[in-house]
Amino acid sequence: MNATATLSSKFQISIPRALRDEQHWEDGQEFVFIPKGKGVLVLSVPEKEQLVGIAKGARIEDFRDRNDRF
């Protein structure tokens, strides 16, 4: 799907209806903007209920962190 939008004088962009419907986005939903090269990745912020069980089976001891990297 190719869709375009225009940045308003208030620096707002309207997301095309087809894209909102496809992604199941609703009004009031929160988004995060991640710079990627010359563009921006837009992701919806998940609700807490959507994160339940996401780390099932994760070890809480003997884990690696940034200090363990080469």
PDB file of N, CA and C in Angstrom:
ATOM      1  N   MET A   1       0.835  -1.171   0.000  1.00  0.00           N
ATOM      2  CA  MET A   1       0.000   0.000   0.000  1.00  0.00           C
ATOM      3  C   MET A   1       0.886   1.243   0.000  1.00  0.00           C
ATOM      4  N   ASN A   2       0.658   2.120  -0.924  1.00  0.00           N
ATOM      5  CA  ASN A   2       1.347   3.404  -0.952  1.00  0.00           C
ATOM      6  C   ASN A   2       0.377   4.479  -0.528  1.00  0.00           C
ATOM      7  N   ALA A   3       0.721   5.201   0.505  1.00  0.00           N
ATOM      8  CA  ALA A   3      -0.118   6.282   0.995  1.00  0.00           C
ATOM      9  C   ALA A   3       0.779   7.459   1.332  1.00  0.00           C
ATOM     10  N   THR A   4       0.277   8.646   1.113  1.00  0.00           N
ATOM     11  CA  THR A   4       1.051   9.839   1.433  1.00  0.00           C
ATOM     12  C   THR A   4       0.242  10.738   2.361  1.00  0.00           C
ATOM     13  N   ALA A   5       0.942  11.619   3.050  1.00  0.00           N
ATOM     14  CA  ALA A   5       0.308  12.607   3.921  1.00  0.00           C
ATOM     15  C   ALA A   5       1.152  13.871   3.871  1.00  0.00           C
ATOM     16  N   THR A   6       0.552  14.993   4.201  1.00  0.00           N
ATOM     17  CA  THR A   6       1.235  16.281   4.182  1.00  0.00           C
ATOM     18  C   THR A   6       1.372  16.806   5.605  1.00  0.00           C
ATOM     19  N   LEU A   7       2.545  17.304   5.920  1.00  0.00           N
ATOM     20  CA  LEU A   7       2.805  17.877   7.237  1.00  0.00           C
ATOM     21  C   LEU A   7       2.128  19.244   7.317  1.00  0.00           C
ATOM     22  N   SER A   8       1.289  19.447   8.322  1.00  0.00           N
ATOM     23  CA  SER A   8       0.557  20.708   8.456  1.00  0.00           C
ATOM     24  C   SER A   8       1.452  21.791   9.065  1.00  0.00           C
ATOM     25  N   SER A   9       0.944  23.020   9.094  1.00  0.00           N
ATOM     26  CA  SER A   9       1.696  24.129   9.676  1.00  0.00           C
ATOM     27  C   SER A   9       1.884  23.941  11.185  1.00  0.00           C
ATOM     28  N   LYS A  10       1.075  23.067  11.799  1.00  0.00           N
ATOM     29  CA  LYS A  10       1.216  22.747  13.225  1.00  0.00           C
ATOM     30  C   LYS A  10       2.054  21.489  13.426  1.00  0.00           C
ATOM     31  N   PHE A  11       2.737  21.025  12.355  1.00  0.00           N
ATOM     32  CA  PHE A  11       3.592  19.848  12.378  1.00  0.00           C
ATOM     33  C   PHE A  11       2.819  18.585  12.719  1.00  0.00           C
ATOM     34  N   GLN A  12       1.609  18.459  12.189  1.00  0.00           N
ATOM     35  CA  GLN A  12       0.780  17.273  12.376  1.00  0.00           C
ATOM     36  C   GLN A  12       0.618  16.551  11.047  1.00  0.00           C
ATOM     37  N   ILE A  13       0.476  15.227  11.124  1.00  0.00           N
ATOM     38  CA  ILE A  13       0.249  14.396   9.947  1.00  0.00           C
ATOM     39  C   ILE A  13      -0.969  13.526  10.223  1.00  0.00           C
ATOM     40  N   SER A  14      -1.887  13.466   9.274  1.00  0.00           N
ATOM     41  CA  SER A  14      -3.036  12.568   9.388  1.00  0.00           C
ATOM     42  C   SER A  14      -2.678  11.233   8.748  1.00  0.00           C
ATOM     43  N   ILE A  15      -2.881  10.170   9.479  1.00  0.00           N
ATOM     44  CA  ILE A  15      -2.595   8.831   8.964  1.00  0.00           C
ATOM     45  C   ILE A  15      -3.781   8.398   8.102  1.00  0.00           C
ATOM     46  N   PRO A  16      -3.517   7.985   6.858  1.00  0.00           N
ATOM     47  CA  PRO A  16      -4.612   7.584   5.972  1.00  0.00           C
ATOM     48  C   PRO A  16      -5.480   6.486   6.579  1.00  0.00           C
ATOM     49  N   ARG A  17      -6.780   6.568   6.329  1.00  0.00           N
ATOM     50  CA  ARG A  17      -7.765   5.647   6.896  1.00  0.00           C
ATOM     51  C   ARG A  17      -7.453   4.190   6.573  1.00  0.00           C
ATOM     52  N   ALA A  18      -7.059   3.902   5.347  1.00  0.00           N
ATOM     53  CA  ALA A  18      -6.766   2.515   4.960  1.00  0.00           C
ATOM     54  C   ALA A  18      -5.652   1.937   5.829  1.00  0.00           C
ATOM     55  N   LEU A  19      -4.643   2.734   6.111  1.00  0.00           N
ATOM     56  CA  LEU A  19      -3.527   2.282   6.945  1.00  0.00           C
ATOM     57  C   LEU A  19      -3.966   2.103   8.394  1.00  0.00           C
ATOM     58  N   ARG A  20      -4.757   3.047   8.915  1.00  0.00           N
ATOM     59  CA  ARG A  20      -5.266   2.920  10.287  1.00  0.00           C
ATOM     60  C   ARG A  20      -6.104   1.664  10.438  1.00  0.00           C
ATOM     61  N   ASP A  21      -6.963   1.409   9.458  1.00  0.00           N
ATOM     62  CA  ASP A  21      -7.815   0.220   9.515  1.00  0.00           C
ATOM     63  C   ASP A  21      -6.996  -1.063   9.441  1.00  0.00           C
ATOM     64  N   GLU A  22      -6.007  -1.070   8.552  1.00  0.00           N
ATOM     65  CA  GLU A  22      -5.165  -2.261   8.377  1.00  0.00           C
ATOM     66  C   GLU A  22      -4.386  -2.582   9.651  1.00  0.00           C
ATOM     67  N   GLN A  23      -3.903  -1.546  10.342  1.00  0.00           N
ATOM     68  CA  GLN A  23      -3.098  -1.729  11.558  1.00  0.00           C
ATOM     69  C   GLN A  23      -3.941  -1.785  12.829  1.00  0.00           C
ATOM     70  N   HIS A  24      -5.237  -1.556  12.704  1.00  0.00           N
ATOM     71  CA  HIS A  24      -6.162  -1.547  13.854  1.00  0.00           C
ATOM     72  C   HIS A  24      -5.774  -0.471  14.868  1.00  0.00           C
ATOM     73  N   TRP A  25      -5.339   0.698  14.366  1.00  0.00           N
ATOM     74  CA  TRP A  25      -5.003   1.821  15.226  1.00  0.00           C
ATOM     75  C   TRP A  25      -6.263   2.597  15.560  1.00  0.00           C
ATOM     76  N   GLU A  26      -6.338   3.101  16.799  1.00  0.00           N
ATOM     77  CA  GLU A  26      -7.504   3.845  17.261  1.00  0.00           C
ATOM     78  C   GLU A  26      -7.080   5.202  17.810  1.00  0.00           C
ATOM     79  N   ASP A  27      -8.041   6.102  17.927  1.00  0.00           N
ATOM     80  CA  ASP A  27      -7.722   7.423  18.461  1.00  0.00           C
ATOM     81  C   ASP A  27      -7.256   7.294  19.909  1.00  0.00           C
ATOM     82  N   GLY A  28      -6.317   8.144  20.274  1.00  0.00           N
ATOM     83  CA  GLY A  28      -5.762   8.117  21.622  1.00  0.00           C
ATOM     84  C   GLY A  28      -4.614   7.140  21.799  1.00  0.00           C
ATOM     85  N   GLN A  29      -4.330   6.339  20.776  1.00  0.00           N
ATOM     86  CA  GLN A  29      -3.252   5.360  20.873  1.00  0.00           C
ATOM     87  C   GLN A  29      -1.909   6.085  20.869  1.00  0.00           C
ATOM     88  N   GLU A  30      -0.942   5.559  21.615  1.00  0.00           N
ATOM     89  CA  GLU A  30       0.374   6.168  21.735  1.00  0.00           C
ATOM     90  C   GLU A  30       1.356   5.518  20.757  1.00  0.00           C
ATOM     91  N   PHE A  31       2.254   6.338  20.192  1.00  0.00           N
ATOM     92  CA  PHE A  31       3.238   5.865  19.226  1.00  0.00           C
ATOM     93  C   PHE A  31       4.631   6.312  19.618  1.00  0.00           C
ATOM     94  N   VAL A  32       5.621   5.576  19.145  1.00  0.00           N
ATOM     95  CA  VAL A  32       7.020   5.938  19.345  1.00  0.00           C
ATOM     96  C   VAL A  32       7.624   6.168  17.958  1.00  0.00           C
ATOM     97  N   PHE A  33       8.509   7.162  17.844  1.00  0.00           N
ATOM     98  CA  PHE A  33       9.161   7.505  16.585  1.00  0.00           C
ATOM     99  C   PHE A  33      10.644   7.180  16.717  1.00  0.00           C
ATOM    100  N   ILE A  34      11.147   6.304  15.846  1.00  0.00           N
ATOM    101  CA  ILE A  34      12.538   5.857  15.900  1.00  0.00           C
ATOM    102  C   ILE A  34      13.244   6.302  14.623  1.00  0.00           C
ATOM    103  N   PRO A  35      14.232   7.200  14.738  1.00  0.00           N
ATOM    104  CA  PRO A  35      14.963   7.653  13.556  1.00  0.00           C
ATOM    105  C   PRO A  35      15.712   6.495  12.906  1.00  0.00           C
ATOM    106  N   LYS A  36      15.593   6.377  11.582  1.00  0.00           N
ATOM    107  CA  LYS A  36      16.280   5.330  10.811  1.00  0.00           C
ATOM    108  C   LYS A  36      16.837   5.967   9.548  1.00  0.00           C
ATOM    109  N   GLY A  37      18.121   6.282   9.559  1.00  0.00           N
ATOM    110  CA  GLY A  37      18.728   6.910   8.388  1.00  0.00           C
ATOM    111  C   GLY A  37      18.043   8.226   8.073  1.00  0.00           C
ATOM    112  N   LYS A  38      17.485   8.330   6.860  1.00  0.00           N
ATOM    113  CA  LYS A  38      16.791   9.554   6.453  1.00  0.00           C
ATOM    114  C   LYS A  38      15.294   9.458   6.694  1.00  0.00           C
ATOM    115  N   GLY A  39      14.845   8.399   7.345  1.00  0.00           N
ATOM    116  CA  GLY A  39      13.425   8.210   7.604  1.00  0.00           C
ATOM    117  C   GLY A  39      13.143   8.015   9.088  1.00  0.00           C
ATOM    118  N   VAL A  40      11.907   7.654   9.375  1.00  0.00           N
ATOM    119  CA  VAL A  40      11.474   7.436  10.748  1.00  0.00           C
ATOM    120  C   VAL A  40      10.587   6.202  10.788  1.00  0.00           C
ATOM    121  N   LEU A  41      10.849   5.325  11.733  1.00  0.00           N
ATOM    122  CA  LEU A  41      10.022   4.145  11.960  1.00  0.00           C
ATOM    123  C   LEU A  41       8.983   4.510  13.010  1.00  0.00           C
ATOM    124  N   VAL A  42       7.701   4.288  12.709  1.00  0.00           N
ATOM    125  CA  VAL A  42       6.611   4.612  13.629  1.00  0.00           C
ATOM    126  C   VAL A  42       6.016   3.305  14.135  1.00  0.00           C
ATOM    127  N   LEU A  43       6.025   3.117  15.458  1.00  0.00           N
ATOM    128  CA  LEU A  43       5.483   1.909  16.062  1.00  0.00           C
ATOM    129  C   LEU A  43       4.476   2.278  17.140  1.00  0.00           C
ATOM    130  N   SER A  44       3.416   1.503  17.233  1.00  0.00           N
ATOM    131  CA  SER A  44       2.460   1.726  18.305  1.00  0.00           C
ATOM    132  C   SER A  44       3.030   1.156  19.601  1.00  0.00           C
ATOM    133  N   VAL A  45       2.815   1.866  20.693  1.00  0.00           N
ATOM    134  CA  VAL A  45       3.287   1.429  22.010  1.00  0.00           C
ATOM    135  C   VAL A  45       2.273   0.422  22.533  1.00  0.00           C
ATOM    136  N   PRO A  46       2.718  -0.792  22.876  1.00  0.00           N
ATOM    137  CA  PRO A  46       1.769  -1.804  23.351  1.00  0.00           C
ATOM    138  C   PRO A  46       1.213  -1.487  24.737  1.00  0.00           C
ATOM    139  N   GLU A  47       0.014  -1.956  24.995  1.00  0.00           N
ATOM    140  CA  GLU A  47      -0.588  -1.835  26.318  1.00  0.00           C
ATOM    141  C   GLU A  47       0.066  -2.872  27.237  1.00  0.00           C
ATOM    142  N   LYS A  48       0.050  -2.645  28.531  1.00  0.00           N
ATOM    143  CA  LYS A  48       0.660  -3.582  29.482  1.00  0.00           C
ATOM    144  C   LYS A  48       0.088  -4.984  29.338  1.00  0.00           C
ATOM    145  N   GLU A  49      -1.216  -5.075  29.077  1.00  0.00           N
ATOM    146  CA  GLU A  49      -1.869  -6.378  28.956  1.00  0.00           C
ATOM    147  C   GLU A  49      -1.306  -7.184  27.771  1.00  0.00           C
ATOM    148  N   GLN A  50      -0.823  -6.499  26.746  1.00  0.00           N
ATOM    149  CA  GLN A  50      -0.261  -7.175  25.582  1.00  0.00           C
ATOM    150  C   GLN A  50       1.130  -7.750  25.859  1.00  0.00           C
ATOM    151  N   LEU A  51       1.772  -7.313  26.935  1.00  0.00           N
ATOM    152  CA  LEU A  51       3.122  -7.749  27.259  1.00  0.00           C
ATOM    153  C   LEU A  51       3.170  -8.917  28.231  1.00  0.00           C
ATOM    154  N   VAL A  52       2.033  -9.312  28.753  1.00  0.00           N
ATOM    155  CA  VAL A  52       1.984 -10.410  29.726  1.00  0.00           C
ATOM    156  C   VAL A  52       2.525 -11.687  29.078  1.00  0.00           C
ATOM    157  N   GLY A  53       3.506 -12.306  29.721  1.00  0.00           N
ATOM    158  CA  GLY A  53       4.063 -13.562  29.235  1.00  0.00           C
ATOM    159  C   GLY A  53       5.131 -13.415  28.173  1.00  0.00           C
ATOM    160  N   ILE A  54       5.511 -12.199  27.828  1.00  0.00           N
ATOM    161  CA  ILE A  54       6.474 -11.997  26.741  1.00  0.00           C
ATOM    162  C   ILE A  54       7.869 -12.545  27.094  1.00  0.00           C
ATOM    163  N   ALA A  55       8.213 -12.574  28.381  1.00  0.00           N
ATOM    164  CA  ALA A  55       9.531 -13.055  28.795  1.00  0.00           C
ATOM    165  C   ALA A  55       9.443 -14.408  29.498  1.00  0.00           C
ATOM    166  N   LYS A  56       8.428 -15.171  29.185  1.00  0.00           N
ATOM    167  CA  LYS A  56       8.250 -16.474  29.818  1.00  0.00           C
ATOM    168  C   LYS A  56       9.489 -17.349  29.568  1.00  0.00           C
ATOM    169  N   GLY A  57      10.026 -17.910  30.615  1.00  0.00           N
ATOM    170  CA  GLY A  57      11.193 -18.782  30.499  1.00  0.00           C
ATOM    171  C   GLY A  57      12.520 -18.044  30.527  1.00  0.00           C
ATOM    172  N   ALA A  58      12.496 -16.716  30.652  1.00  0.00           N
ATOM    173  CA  ALA A  58      13.741 -15.951  30.697  1.00  0.00           C
ATOM    174  C   ALA A  58      14.476 -16.242  32.005  1.00  0.00           C
ATOM    175  N   ARG A  59      15.801 -16.344  31.909  1.00  0.00           N
ATOM    176  CA  ARG A  59      16.609 -16.600  33.101  1.00  0.00           C
ATOM    177  C   ARG A  59      16.812 -15.302  33.871  1.00  0.00           C
ATOM    178  N   ILE A  60      16.674 -15.361  35.176  1.00  0.00           N
ATOM    179  CA  ILE A  60      16.916 -14.170  35.986  1.00  0.00           C
ATOM    180  C   ILE A  60      18.300 -14.209  36.623  1.00  0.00           C
ATOM    181  N   GLU A  61      18.986 -15.338  36.541  1.00  0.00           N
ATOM    182  CA  GLU A  61      20.361 -15.439  37.000  1.00  0.00           C
ATOM    183  C   GLU A  61      21.236 -15.802  35.804  1.00  0.00           C
ATOM    184  N   ASP A  62      22.510 -15.491  35.918  1.00  0.00           N
ATOM    185  CA  ASP A  62      23.497 -15.868  34.910  1.00  0.00           C
ATOM    186  C   ASP A  62      23.124 -15.357  33.517  1.00  0.00           C
ATOM    187  N   PHE A  63      22.699 -14.099  33.429  1.00  0.00           N
ATOM    188  CA  PHE A  63      22.365 -13.518  32.136  1.00  0.00           C
ATOM    189  C   PHE A  63      23.524 -12.648  31.662  1.00  0.00           C
ATOM    190  N   ARG A  64      23.567 -12.396  30.369  1.00  0.00           N
ATOM    191  CA  ARG A  64      24.611 -11.550  29.790  1.00  0.00           C
ATOM    192  C   ARG A  64      24.080 -10.138  29.654  1.00  0.00           C
ATOM    193  N   ASP A  65      24.959  -9.165  29.842  1.00  0.00           N
ATOM    194  CA  ASP A  65      24.579  -7.783  29.611  1.00  0.00           C
ATOM    195  C   ASP A  65      25.614  -7.109  28.726  1.00  0.00           C
ATOM    196  N   ARG A  66      25.529  -5.829  28.581  1.00  0.00           N
ATOM    197  CA  ARG A  66      26.433  -5.109  27.680  1.00  0.00           C
ATOM    198  C   ARG A  66      27.891  -5.232  28.067  1.00  0.00           C
ATOM    199  N   ASN A  67      28.169  -5.411  29.345  1.00  0.00           N
ATOM    200  CA  ASN A  67      29.560  -5.545  29.792  1.00  0.00           C
ATOM    201  C   ASN A  67      30.186  -6.861  29.342  1.00  0.00           C
ATOM    202  N   ASP A  68      29.358  -7.847  28.971  1.00  0.00           N
ATOM    203  CA  ASP A  68      29.868  -9.145  28.534  1.00  0.00           C
ATOM    204  C   ASP A  68      30.172  -9.185  27.034  1.00  0.00           C
ATOM    205  N   ARG A  69      29.844  -8.125  26.337  1.00  0.00           N
ATOM    206  CA  ARG A  69      30.071  -8.109  24.887  1.00  0.00           C
ATOM    207  C   ARG A  69      31.518  -7.803  24.568  1.00  0.00           C
ATOM    208  N   PHE A  70      31.916  -8.150  23.364  1.00  0.00           N
ATOM    209  CA  PHE A  70      33.300  -7.937  22.923  1.00  0.00           C
ATOM    210  C   PHE A  70      33.528  -6.499  22.568  1.00  0.00           C
TER     211      PHE A  70
END
